[in-house]
Amino acid sequence: MNCTVAGDVFGMQEDDVSVAALPLFHVFGLSSVLNVGVRFGSTIVLVPGFEAESVLDAIERHCCTIFTGVPTMYVALLSADISGRDLASLRVGVSGGAAIRGEVIRAFEEKLPGAVILEGYGLSETASTTTFNISAEARKVLSIGKPVWGVEVRVVDENDEPLPPGPEHIGEVVVRGHNIMKCYYKRPEATAEALRNGWFHTGDLGYADEDGYLFIVDRKKDLIIRGGYNVHPRDVEEVLFAHPAVAEAAVVGKSDERLGAEVLAYVALKPGASATPEEIAAYCKDRMAAYKYPREVRLVDPLPKGPTGKILKKALRTRV
């Protein structure tokens, strides 16, 4: 049932050709790509492992209309040379698995003007799709969209009370509907913690706006409390991505005796670009509140990633 909704929301048709570089052991690749393609009788081109050039080859050779991937894949495609290629068939890029940066969306749509990136949200526990931006006309950039059919989403405080809309009311995103898991296998305590009061607690922090669009701010465990102020890594990462030399960035907390935690940024530069850690930190300092900007920037290449292409912040924290 959820697959039908996923196909409907981005207008999948029988003559669509999707290129998928996501592993099929991941719920995004399995439910939102493979199952949707089977349901609508469309063609799916599977690429054995993500490489930007092989994905571009597939789009060009098979006239693919839809690409599904995680944000790091879009970053890699941005760095690829597309001169001389015919990629006009691509009309939709579906992004999920992690929050995609506004600068990445803007740059990708500028590079491939016939395509639009639509962002959605879901988890393994929610059988993939939970919310989605259904079209270029209806979307809000940086939003994860609205709940799909049969799914309810709330933003709640620490007492599980619903919060009013607005970015000043950040709380935990909770979900209920036909797509929710029954339990964690042989983990009753974890199940009881996640499934409370009839709602699945995602562990993600976010807010809703007046129009019902949802925005993910960060994972609860990623929140940095610096000198009593809450620093959401995504806010800092958005600024880092706007730096002309930055290809990828991840922000984590670093233990600090005086402040409790300090803001640390790991950055990978674009091919051929140059910038010093001091220059990048100064760039951030000029563009955000004093308590937010990273006091330390470390240049790394590449950033550690899991099999789905998501940046592994847990691995970065072990380097602190």
C-alpha atoms as a PDB file:
ATOM      1  CA  MET A   1       0.000   0.000   0.000  1.00  0.00           C
ATOM      2  CA  ASN A   2       2.766   2.439   0.876  1.00  0.00           C
ATOM      3  CA  CYS A   3       4.462   1.690  -2.447  1.00  0.00           C
ATOM      4  CA  THR A   4       1.388   2.825  -4.352  1.00  0.00           C
ATOM      5  CA  VAL A   5       1.480   6.120  -2.513  1.00  0.00           C
ATOM      6  CA  ALA A   6       5.185   6.552  -3.178  1.00  0.00           C
ATOM      7  CA  GLY A   7       4.627   6.026  -6.880  1.00  0.00           C
ATOM      8  CA  ASP A   8       1.615   8.314  -7.006  1.00  0.00           C
ATOM      9  CA  VAL A   9       3.326  11.223  -5.292  1.00  0.00           C
ATOM     10  CA  PHE A  10       6.063  11.619  -7.882  1.00  0.00           C
ATOM     11  CA  GLY A  11       3.862  10.676 -10.790  1.00  0.00           C
ATOM     12  CA  MET A  12       5.427   7.362 -11.778  1.00  0.00           C
ATOM     13  CA  GLN A  13       4.040   5.932 -15.002  1.00  0.00           C
ATOM     14  CA  GLU A  14       4.550   2.799 -17.057  1.00  0.00           C
ATOM     15  CA  ASP A  15       6.894   4.559 -19.485  1.00  0.00           C
ATOM     16  CA  ASP A  16       9.145   5.870 -16.716  1.00  0.00           C
ATOM     17  CA  VAL A  17      12.688   4.523 -16.462  1.00  0.00           C
ATOM     18  CA  SER A  18      14.270   4.761 -13.025  1.00  0.00           C
ATOM     19  CA  VAL A  19      17.989   4.460 -12.365  1.00  0.00           C
ATOM     20  CA  ALA A  20      18.734   3.093  -8.894  1.00  0.00           C
ATOM     21  CA  ALA A  21      22.137   3.083  -7.236  1.00  0.00           C
ATOM     22  CA  LEU A  22      20.725   2.461  -3.765  1.00  0.00           C
ATOM     23  CA  PRO A  23      21.340  -1.003  -2.308  1.00  0.00           C
ATOM     24  CA  LEU A  24      18.203  -3.125  -2.257  1.00  0.00           C
ATOM     25  CA  PHE A  25      18.886  -4.228   1.323  1.00  0.00           C
ATOM     26  CA  HIS A  26      18.041  -0.641   2.326  1.00  0.00           C
ATOM     27  CA  VAL A  27      14.353   0.198   2.806  1.00  0.00           C
ATOM     28  CA  PHE A  28      14.596   3.200   0.461  1.00  0.00           C
ATOM     29  CA  GLY A  29      15.964   1.110  -2.385  1.00  0.00           C
ATOM     30  CA  LEU A  30      13.647  -1.827  -1.737  1.00  0.00           C
ATOM     31  CA  SER A  31      10.315  -0.180  -0.977  1.00  0.00           C
ATOM     32  CA  SER A  32      10.497   3.240  -2.639  1.00  0.00           C
ATOM     33  CA  VAL A  33      12.313   2.066  -5.767  1.00  0.00           C
ATOM     34  CA  LEU A  34      12.022  -1.650  -6.554  1.00  0.00           C
ATOM     35  CA  ASN A  35       8.518  -2.250  -5.190  1.00  0.00           C
ATOM     36  CA  VAL A  36       7.195   0.983  -6.697  1.00  0.00           C
ATOM     37  CA  GLY A  37       8.623   0.097 -10.104  1.00  0.00           C
ATOM     38  CA  VAL A  38       7.038  -3.353  -9.979  1.00  0.00           C
ATOM     39  CA  ARG A  39       3.698  -1.886  -8.878  1.00  0.00           C
ATOM     40  CA  PHE A  40       3.563   0.598 -11.762  1.00  0.00           C
ATOM     41  CA  GLY A  41       5.177  -1.604 -14.398  1.00  0.00           C
ATOM     42  CA  SER A  42       7.983   0.851 -15.059  1.00  0.00           C
ATOM     43  CA  THR A  43      11.568   0.003 -15.996  1.00  0.00           C
ATOM     44  CA  ILE A  44      14.316   0.028 -13.373  1.00  0.00           C
ATOM     45  CA  VAL A  45      17.989   0.256 -14.293  1.00  0.00           C
ATOM     46  CA  LEU A  46      20.141  -1.146 -11.474  1.00  0.00           C
ATOM     47  CA  VAL A  47      23.704   0.121 -11.172  1.00  0.00           C
ATOM     48  CA  PRO A  48      26.062  -2.237  -9.284  1.00  0.00           C
ATOM     49  CA  GLY A  49      27.462   0.195  -6.735  1.00  0.00           C
ATOM     50  CA  PHE A  50      27.304   3.968  -7.000  1.00  0.00           C
ATOM     51  CA  GLU A  51      29.767   5.715  -9.273  1.00  0.00           C
ATOM     52  CA  ALA A  52      28.836   9.060 -10.757  1.00  0.00           C
ATOM     53  CA  GLU A  53      30.024   8.180 -14.249  1.00  0.00           C
ATOM     54  CA  SER A  54      28.149   4.864 -14.355  1.00  0.00           C
ATOM     55  CA  VAL A  55      24.928   6.570 -13.225  1.00  0.00           C
ATOM     56  CA  LEU A  56      25.303   9.266 -15.884  1.00  0.00           C
ATOM     57  CA  ASP A  57      26.025   6.572 -18.471  1.00  0.00           C
ATOM     58  CA  ALA A  58      22.816   4.789 -17.470  1.00  0.00           C
ATOM     59  CA  ILE A  59      20.714   7.955 -17.627  1.00  0.00           C
ATOM     60  CA  GLU A  60      22.042   8.748 -21.092  1.00  0.00           C
ATOM     61  CA  ARG A  61      21.926   5.203 -22.509  1.00  0.00           C
ATOM     62  CA  HIS A  62      18.466   4.267 -21.197  1.00  0.00           C
ATOM     63  CA  CYS A  63      16.857   7.744 -21.248  1.00  0.00           C
ATOM     64  CA  CYS A  64      16.116   7.484 -17.535  1.00  0.00           C
ATOM     65  CA  THR A  65      13.427   9.816 -16.249  1.00  0.00           C
ATOM     66  CA  ILE A  66      13.859   9.329 -12.482  1.00  0.00           C
ATOM     67  CA  PHE A  67      16.965   9.071 -10.311  1.00  0.00           C
ATOM     68  CA  THR A  68      16.698   7.999  -6.678  1.00  0.00           C
ATOM     69  CA  GLY A  69      19.571   8.558  -4.290  1.00  0.00           C
ATOM     70  CA  VAL A  70      20.889   9.891  -1.009  1.00  0.00           C
ATOM     71  CA  PRO A  71      22.334  13.426  -0.760  1.00  0.00           C
ATOM     72  CA  THR A  72      25.988  12.363  -1.084  1.00  0.00           C
ATOM     73  CA  MET A  73      25.149  10.871  -4.489  1.00  0.00           C
ATOM     74  CA  TYR A  74      23.830  14.220  -5.691  1.00  0.00           C
ATOM     75  CA  VAL A  75      27.005  15.880  -4.443  1.00  0.00           C
ATOM     76  CA  ALA A  76      29.086  13.394  -6.450  1.00  0.00           C
ATOM     77  CA  LEU A  77      26.989  13.991  -9.584  1.00  0.00           C
ATOM     78  CA  LEU A  78      27.548  17.722  -9.184  1.00  0.00           C
ATOM     79  CA  SER A  79      31.310  17.167  -9.365  1.00  0.00           C
ATOM     80  CA  ALA A  80      31.071  15.054 -12.530  1.00  0.00           C
ATOM     81  CA  ASP A  81      31.729  16.436 -15.994  1.00  0.00           C
ATOM     82  CA  ILE A  82      28.509  16.260 -18.036  1.00  0.00           C
ATOM     83  CA  SER A  83      29.707  18.199 -21.069  1.00  0.00           C
ATOM     84  CA  GLY A  84      28.655  16.463 -24.287  1.00  0.00           C
ATOM     85  CA  ARG A  85      26.097  14.250 -22.532  1.00  0.00           C
ATOM     86  CA  ASP A  86      22.400  14.119 -23.360  1.00  0.00           C
ATOM     87  CA  LEU A  87      20.640  13.981 -19.980  1.00  0.00           C
ATOM     88  CA  ALA A  88      17.458  15.754 -21.049  1.00  0.00           C
ATOM     89  CA  SER A  89      15.281  12.734 -20.221  1.00  0.00           C
ATOM     90  CA  LEU A  90      15.790  13.161 -16.461  1.00  0.00           C
ATOM     91  CA  ARG A  91      12.789  14.909 -14.915  1.00  0.00           C
ATOM     92  CA  VAL A  92      12.836  13.944 -11.212  1.00  0.00           C
ATOM     93  CA  GLY A  93      15.503  13.301  -8.616  1.00  0.00           C
ATOM     94  CA  VAL A  94      14.096  11.699  -5.482  1.00  0.00           C
ATOM     95  CA  SER A  95      16.231  12.320  -2.395  1.00  0.00           C
ATOM     96  CA  GLY A  96      15.968  10.546   0.938  1.00  0.00           C
ATOM     97  CA  GLY A  97      17.998   8.738   3.564  1.00  0.00           C
ATOM     98  CA  ALA A  98      19.385  11.986   5.001  1.00  0.00           C
ATOM     99  CA  ALA A  99      18.683  15.709   4.785  1.00  0.00           C
ATOM    100  CA  ILE A 100      19.775  17.251   1.489  1.00  0.00           C
ATOM    101  CA  ARG A 101      21.243  20.752   1.590  1.00  0.00           C
ATOM    102  CA  GLY A 102      19.529  23.642  -0.132  1.00  0.00           C
ATOM    103  CA  GLU A 103      22.734  24.566  -1.965  1.00  0.00           C
ATOM    104  CA  VAL A 104      22.933  21.042  -3.404  1.00  0.00           C
ATOM    105  CA  ILE A 105      19.357  21.263  -4.704  1.00  0.00           C
ATOM    106  CA  ARG A 106      19.995  24.662  -6.279  1.00  0.00           C
ATOM    107  CA  ALA A 107      23.253  23.620  -7.933  1.00  0.00           C
ATOM    108  CA  PHE A 108      21.880  20.314  -9.234  1.00  0.00           C
ATOM    109  CA  GLU A 109      18.800  21.895 -10.799  1.00  0.00           C
ATOM    110  CA  GLU A 110      20.986  24.579 -12.335  1.00  0.00           C
ATOM    111  CA  LYS A 111      23.285  21.925 -13.807  1.00  0.00           C
ATOM    112  CA  LEU A 112      20.368  19.810 -15.089  1.00  0.00           C
ATOM    113  CA  PRO A 113      17.626  22.395 -15.742  1.00  0.00           C
ATOM    114  CA  GLY A 114      15.096  19.799 -16.869  1.00  0.00           C
ATOM    115  CA  ALA A 115      15.145  17.989 -13.520  1.00  0.00           C
ATOM    116  CA  VAL A 116      13.726  18.813 -10.097  1.00  0.00           C
ATOM    117  CA  ILE A 117      14.740  17.274  -6.767  1.00  0.00           C
ATOM    118  CA  LEU A 118      11.862  16.158  -4.546  1.00  0.00           C
ATOM    119  CA  GLU A 119      12.757  15.300  -0.973  1.00  0.00           C
ATOM    120  CA  GLY A 120      10.971  12.804   1.219  1.00  0.00           C
ATOM    121  CA  TYR A 121      11.402  11.218   4.622  1.00  0.00           C
ATOM    122  CA  GLY A 122      11.056   7.812   6.156  1.00  0.00           C
ATOM    123  CA  LEU A 123      12.758   5.136   8.216  1.00  0.00           C
ATOM    124  CA  SER A 124      13.094   1.370   8.177  1.00  0.00           C
ATOM    125  CA  GLU A 125      10.557   1.331  11.021  1.00  0.00           C
ATOM    126  CA  THR A 126       8.039   3.200   8.839  1.00  0.00           C
ATOM    127  CA  ALA A 127       8.390   0.947   5.773  1.00  0.00           C
ATOM    128  CA  SER A 128      10.117   3.724   3.876  1.00  0.00           C
ATOM    129  CA  THR A 129       7.981   6.675   2.761  1.00  0.00           C
ATOM    130  CA  THR A 130       6.373   8.761   5.512  1.00  0.00           C
ATOM    131  CA  THR A 131       6.310  12.262   4.006  1.00  0.00           C
ATOM    132  CA  PHE A 132       7.052  13.626   0.555  1.00  0.00           C
ATOM    133  CA  ASN A 133       7.117  16.765  -1.577  1.00  0.00           C
ATOM    134  CA  ILE A 134       4.743  15.717  -4.326  1.00  0.00           C
ATOM    135  CA  SER A 135       5.815  18.081  -7.130  1.00  0.00           C
ATOM    136  CA  ALA A 136       7.987  21.015  -8.109  1.00  0.00           C
ATOM    137  CA  GLU A 137       4.959  23.295  -7.806  1.00  0.00           C
ATOM    138  CA  ALA A 138       3.895  22.057  -4.370  1.00  0.00           C
ATOM    139  CA  ARG A 139       7.279  21.498  -2.745  1.00  0.00           C
ATOM    140  CA  LYS A 140       9.058  23.645  -0.182  1.00  0.00           C
ATOM    141  CA  VAL A 141      12.832  23.433  -0.484  1.00  0.00           C
ATOM    142  CA  LEU A 142      14.464  22.046   2.700  1.00  0.00           C
ATOM    143  CA  SER A 143      11.098  20.597   3.749  1.00  0.00           C
ATOM    144  CA  ILE A 144      10.477  16.848   3.780  1.00  0.00           C
ATOM    145  CA  GLY A 145       6.939  17.542   2.547  1.00  0.00           C
ATOM    146  CA  LYS A 146       3.641  16.390   3.991  1.00  0.00           C
ATOM    147  CA  PRO A 147       2.510  12.966   5.263  1.00  0.00           C
ATOM    148  CA  VAL A 148       1.476  10.465   2.593  1.00  0.00           C
ATOM    149  CA  TRP A 149      -1.959   8.839   2.624  1.00  0.00           C
ATOM    150  CA  GLY A 150      -2.790   6.882   5.776  1.00  0.00           C
ATOM    151  CA  VAL A 151       0.069   8.349   7.806  1.00  0.00           C
ATOM    152  CA  GLU A 152      -0.110  10.888  10.634  1.00  0.00           C
ATOM    153  CA  VAL A 153       2.875  12.921  11.800  1.00  0.00           C
ATOM    154  CA  ARG A 154       3.218  15.144  14.850  1.00  0.00           C
ATOM    155  CA  VAL A 155       5.932  17.215  16.474  1.00  0.00           C
ATOM    156  CA  VAL A 156       5.867  16.772  20.252  1.00  0.00           C
ATOM    157  CA  ASP A 157       7.661  18.050  23.329  1.00  0.00           C
ATOM    158  CA  GLU A 158       9.396  15.974  26.008  1.00  0.00           C
ATOM    159  CA  ASN A 159       6.003  15.085  27.506  1.00  0.00           C
ATOM    160  CA  ASP A 160       4.648  13.921  24.132  1.00  0.00           C
ATOM    161  CA  GLU A 161       2.384  16.976  23.918  1.00  0.00           C
ATOM    162  CA  PRO A 162       1.857  18.354  20.378  1.00  0.00           C
ATOM    163  CA  LEU A 163       3.746  21.549  19.603  1.00  0.00           C
ATOM    164  CA  PRO A 164       2.312  24.457  17.588  1.00  0.00           C
ATOM    165  CA  PRO A 165       3.750  25.200  14.124  1.00  0.00           C
ATOM    166  CA  GLY A 166       6.805  27.355  13.608  1.00  0.00           C
ATOM    167  CA  PRO A 167      10.607  26.976  13.651  1.00  0.00           C
ATOM    168  CA  GLU A 168      10.676  28.194  17.238  1.00  0.00           C
ATOM    169  CA  HIS A 169       8.786  25.036  18.263  1.00  0.00           C
ATOM    170  CA  ILE A 170      11.259  22.231  17.616  1.00  0.00           C
ATOM    171  CA  GLY A 171      10.423  18.818  19.010  1.00  0.00           C
ATOM    172  CA  GLU A 172      10.583  15.116  18.266  1.00  0.00           C
ATOM    173  CA  VAL A 173       8.853  13.851  15.140  1.00  0.00           C
ATOM    174  CA  VAL A 174       6.414  11.023  15.904  1.00  0.00           C
ATOM    175  CA  VAL A 175       4.466   8.917  13.405  1.00  0.00           C
ATOM    176  CA  ARG A 176       1.517   6.543  13.325  1.00  0.00           C
ATOM    177  CA  GLY A 177      -0.233   4.744  10.493  1.00  0.00           C
ATOM    178  CA  HIS A 178      -0.454   1.526   8.499  1.00  0.00           C
ATOM    179  CA  ASN A 179       3.256   1.636   7.710  1.00  0.00           C
ATOM    180  CA  ILE A 180       4.638   1.348  11.243  1.00  0.00           C
ATOM    181  CA  MET A 181       6.601  -1.706  12.341  1.00  0.00           C
ATOM    182  CA  LYS A 182       5.189  -4.107  14.930  1.00  0.00           C
ATOM    183  CA  CYS A 183       8.347  -4.373  17.027  1.00  0.00           C
ATOM    184  CA  TYR A 184      12.111  -4.636  17.120  1.00  0.00           C
ATOM    185  CA  TYR A 185      12.958  -8.321  16.870  1.00  0.00           C
ATOM    186  CA  LYS A 186      13.589  -9.751  20.351  1.00  0.00           C
ATOM    187  CA  ARG A 187      14.128  -6.236  21.782  1.00  0.00           C
ATOM    188  CA  PRO A 188      11.054  -5.565  23.949  1.00  0.00           C
ATOM    189  CA  GLU A 189      12.622  -2.680  25.875  1.00  0.00           C
ATOM    190  CA  ALA A 190      13.652  -0.864  22.704  1.00  0.00           C
ATOM    191  CA  THR A 191      10.182  -1.478  21.262  1.00  0.00           C
ATOM    192  CA  ALA A 192       8.491  -0.036  24.351  1.00  0.00           C
ATOM    193  CA  GLU A 193      10.737   3.021  24.222  1.00  0.00           C
ATOM    194  CA  ALA A 194      10.038   3.704  20.525  1.00  0.00           C
ATOM    195  CA  LEU A 195       6.304   2.870  20.477  1.00  0.00           C
ATOM    196  CA  ARG A 196       4.775   5.056  23.164  1.00  0.00           C
ATOM    197  CA  ASN A 197       1.212   6.306  23.473  1.00  0.00           C
ATOM    198  CA  GLY A 198       0.316   4.851  20.100  1.00  0.00           C
ATOM    199  CA  TRP A 199       3.034   6.759  18.231  1.00  0.00           C
ATOM    200  CA  PHE A 200       6.410   5.717  16.859  1.00  0.00           C
ATOM    201  CA  HIS A 201       9.126   8.055  18.152  1.00  0.00           C
ATOM    202  CA  THR A 202      11.644   8.631  15.366  1.00  0.00           C
ATOM    203  CA  GLY A 203      14.453  10.255  17.347  1.00  0.00           C
ATOM    204  CA  ASP A 204      14.476  13.080  14.788  1.00  0.00           C
ATOM    205  CA  LEU A 205      13.981  16.711  15.741  1.00  0.00           C
ATOM    206  CA  GLY A 206      11.897  18.962  13.559  1.00  0.00           C
ATOM    207  CA  TYR A 207       9.004  21.376  13.252  1.00  0.00           C
ATOM    208  CA  ALA A 208       5.931  21.957  11.103  1.00  0.00           C
ATOM    209  CA  ASP A 209       4.939  25.180   9.392  1.00  0.00           C
ATOM    210  CA  GLU A 210       1.489  26.754   9.111  1.00  0.00           C
ATOM    211  CA  ASP A 211       0.845  24.883   5.848  1.00  0.00           C
ATOM    212  CA  GLY A 212       1.567  21.458   7.339  1.00  0.00           C
ATOM    213  CA  TYR A 213       4.991  21.002   5.747  1.00  0.00           C
ATOM    214  CA  LEU A 214       7.541  19.285   7.970  1.00  0.00           C
ATOM    215  CA  PHE A 215      11.176  20.246   8.425  1.00  0.00           C
ATOM    216  CA  ILE A 216      13.818  17.979   9.958  1.00  0.00           C
ATOM    217  CA  VAL A 217      16.407  19.833  11.996  1.00  0.00           C
ATOM    218  CA  ASP A 218      18.614  17.011  13.293  1.00  0.00           C
ATOM    219  CA  ARG A 219      18.800  13.732  15.148  1.00  0.00           C
ATOM    220  CA  LYS A 220      18.269  14.138  18.894  1.00  0.00           C
ATOM    221  CA  LYS A 221      21.613  12.465  19.539  1.00  0.00           C
ATOM    222  CA  ASP A 222      23.387  14.909  17.193  1.00  0.00           C
ATOM    223  CA  LEU A 223      22.270  18.028  19.063  1.00  0.00           C
ATOM    224  CA  ILE A 224      25.240  20.019  20.434  1.00  0.00           C
ATOM    225  CA  ILE A 225      24.706  21.966  23.651  1.00  0.00           C
ATOM    226  CA  ARG A 226      27.434  24.624  23.739  1.00  0.00           C
ATOM    227  CA  GLY A 227      27.513  26.742  26.868  1.00  0.00           C
ATOM    228  CA  GLY A 228      23.784  26.191  27.390  1.00  0.00           C
ATOM    229  CA  TYR A 229      22.860  27.041  23.780  1.00  0.00           C
ATOM    230  CA  ASN A 230      21.426  24.441  21.407  1.00  0.00           C
ATOM    231  CA  VAL A 231      23.399  24.112  18.177  1.00  0.00           C
ATOM    232  CA  HIS A 232      21.794  22.039  15.438  1.00  0.00           C
ATOM    233  CA  PRO A 233      24.538  20.653  13.173  1.00  0.00           C
ATOM    234  CA  ARG A 234      22.350  21.013  10.087  1.00  0.00           C
ATOM    235  CA  ASP A 235      22.241  24.823  10.540  1.00  0.00           C
ATOM    236  CA  VAL A 236      26.034  24.935  10.485  1.00  0.00           C
ATOM    237  CA  GLU A 237      26.266  22.452   7.589  1.00  0.00           C
ATOM    238  CA  GLU A 238      23.961  24.597   5.438  1.00  0.00           C
ATOM    239  CA  VAL A 239      26.401  27.489   5.768  1.00  0.00           C
ATOM    240  CA  LEU A 240      29.404  25.254   5.094  1.00  0.00           C
ATOM    241  CA  PHE A 241      27.798  23.919   1.911  1.00  0.00           C
ATOM    242  CA  ALA A 242      27.396  27.479   0.647  1.00  0.00           C
ATOM    243  CA  HIS A 243      31.187  27.969   0.710  1.00  0.00           C
ATOM    244  CA  PRO A 244      32.409  27.758  -2.913  1.00  0.00           C
ATOM    245  CA  ALA A 245      35.236  25.332  -2.056  1.00  0.00           C
ATOM    246  CA  VAL A 246      33.228  22.887   0.081  1.00  0.00           C
ATOM    247  CA  ALA A 247      31.919  19.641  -1.431  1.00  0.00           C
ATOM    248  CA  GLU A 248      30.794  17.846   1.734  1.00  0.00           C
ATOM    249  CA  ALA A 249      30.577  18.703   5.419  1.00  0.00           C
ATOM    250  CA  ALA A 250      29.556  17.131   8.685  1.00  0.00           C
ATOM    251  CA  VAL A 251      29.346  18.824  12.080  1.00  0.00           C
ATOM    252  CA  VAL A 252      29.681  17.036  15.419  1.00  0.00           C
ATOM    253  CA  GLY A 253      30.151  17.988  19.043  1.00  0.00           C
ATOM    254  CA  LYS A 254      33.557  17.894  20.733  1.00  0.00           C
ATOM    255  CA  SER A 255      33.850  17.634  24.499  1.00  0.00           C
ATOM    256  CA  ASP A 256      34.913  20.904  26.133  1.00  0.00           C
ATOM    257  CA  GLU A 257      35.626  21.387  29.851  1.00  0.00           C
ATOM    258  CA  ARG A 258      34.416  24.998  29.947  1.00  0.00           C
ATOM    259  CA  LEU A 259      31.408  24.928  27.614  1.00  0.00           C
ATOM    260  CA  GLY A 260      30.421  21.263  27.803  1.00  0.00           C
ATOM    261  CA  ALA A 261      30.742  20.876  24.032  1.00  0.00           C
ATOM    262  CA  GLU A 262      32.383  22.690  21.156  1.00  0.00           C
ATOM    263  CA  VAL A 263      31.380  22.756  17.489  1.00  0.00           C
ATOM    264  CA  LEU A 264      33.681  20.769  15.205  1.00  0.00           C
ATOM    265  CA  ALA A 265      33.311  20.642  11.419  1.00  0.00           C
ATOM    266  CA  TYR A 266      34.740  18.005   9.093  1.00  0.00           C
ATOM    267  CA  VAL A 267      34.991  19.247   5.518  1.00  0.00           C
ATOM    268  CA  ALA A 268      35.868  17.709   2.158  1.00  0.00           C
ATOM    269  CA  LEU A 269      36.808  20.171  -0.563  1.00  0.00           C
ATOM    270  CA  LYS A 270      35.693  20.130  -4.177  1.00  0.00           C
ATOM    271  CA  PRO A 271      38.207  18.701  -6.679  1.00  0.00           C
ATOM    272  CA  GLY A 272      40.778  21.376  -7.497  1.00  0.00           C
ATOM    273  CA  ALA A 273      39.482  23.765  -4.832  1.00  0.00           C
ATOM    274  CA  SER A 274      41.573  25.142  -1.999  1.00  0.00           C
ATOM    275  CA  ALA A 275      40.705  26.674   1.364  1.00  0.00           C
ATOM    276  CA  THR A 276      42.294  26.592   4.793  1.00  0.00           C
ATOM    277  CA  PRO A 277      40.445  25.550   7.947  1.00  0.00           C
ATOM    278  CA  GLU A 278      40.861  29.095   9.233  1.00  0.00           C
ATOM    279  CA  GLU A 279      39.270  30.570   6.103  1.00  0.00           C
ATOM    280  CA  ILE A 280      36.282  28.229   6.360  1.00  0.00           C
ATOM    281  CA  ALA A 281      35.785  28.974  10.059  1.00  0.00           C
ATOM    282  CA  ALA A 282      35.925  32.723   9.330  1.00  0.00           C
ATOM    283  CA  TYR A 283      33.364  32.277   6.543  1.00  0.00           C
ATOM    284  CA  CYS A 284      30.976  30.642   9.015  1.00  0.00           C
ATOM    285  CA  LYS A 285      31.654  33.224  11.717  1.00  0.00           C
ATOM    286  CA  ASP A 286      30.528  36.010   9.384  1.00  0.00           C
ATOM    287  CA  ARG A 287      27.247  34.246   8.607  1.00  0.00           C
ATOM    288  CA  MET A 288      25.866  32.880  11.874  1.00  0.00           C
ATOM    289  CA  ALA A 289      25.459  33.559  15.565  1.00  0.00           C
ATOM    290  CA  ALA A 290      28.664  33.597  17.609  1.00  0.00           C
ATOM    291  CA  TYR A 291      27.743  30.495  19.607  1.00  0.00           C
ATOM    292  CA  LYS A 292      27.110  28.424  16.464  1.00  0.00           C
ATOM    293  CA  TYR A 293      30.099  28.715  14.179  1.00  0.00           C
ATOM    294  CA  PRO A 294      32.736  25.938  14.301  1.00  0.00           C
ATOM    295  CA  ARG A 295      35.811  26.855  16.318  1.00  0.00           C
ATOM    296  CA  GLU A 296      37.648  23.971  14.671  1.00  0.00           C
ATOM    297  CA  VAL A 297      37.534  22.815  11.045  1.00  0.00           C
ATOM    298  CA  ARG A 298      39.278  19.640   9.902  1.00  0.00           C
ATOM    299  CA  LEU A 299      39.855  18.917   6.229  1.00  0.00           C
ATOM    300  CA  VAL A 300      39.300  15.250   5.358  1.00  0.00           C
ATOM    301  CA  ASP A 301      38.921  13.384   2.086  1.00  0.00           C
ATOM    302  CA  PRO A 302      36.767  11.461   1.875  1.00  0.00           C
ATOM    303  CA  LEU A 303      34.257  11.678   4.681  1.00  0.00           C
ATOM    304  CA  PRO A 304      33.413   8.201   6.032  1.00  0.00           C
ATOM    305  CA  LYS A 305      30.253   6.752   4.514  1.00  0.00           C
ATOM    306  CA  GLY A 306      28.155   3.640   5.033  1.00  0.00           C
ATOM    307  CA  PRO A 307      27.026   1.228   2.307  1.00  0.00           C
ATOM    308  CA  THR A 308      24.059   3.470   1.456  1.00  0.00           C
ATOM    309  CA  GLY A 309      26.248   6.543   1.005  1.00  0.00           C
ATOM    310  CA  LYS A 310      25.219   8.286   4.223  1.00  0.00           C
ATOM    311  CA  ILE A 311      27.951  10.147   6.102  1.00  0.00           C
ATOM    312  CA  LEU A 312      28.829   8.286   9.308  1.00  0.00           C
ATOM    313  CA  LYS A 313      28.881  10.860  12.088  1.00  0.00           C
ATOM    314  CA  LYS A 314      29.477   8.117  14.656  1.00  0.00           C
ATOM    315  CA  ALA A 315      32.801   7.376  12.960  1.00  0.00           C
ATOM    316  CA  LEU A 316      33.671  11.071  12.976  1.00  0.00           C
ATOM    317  CA  ARG A 317      32.989  11.323  16.700  1.00  0.00           C
ATOM    318  CA  THR A 318      35.564   8.600  17.356  1.00  0.00           C
ATOM    319  CA  ARG A 319      38.198  10.870  15.769  1.00  0.00           C
ATOM    320  CA  VAL A 320      37.505  13.755  18.159  1.00  0.00           C
END
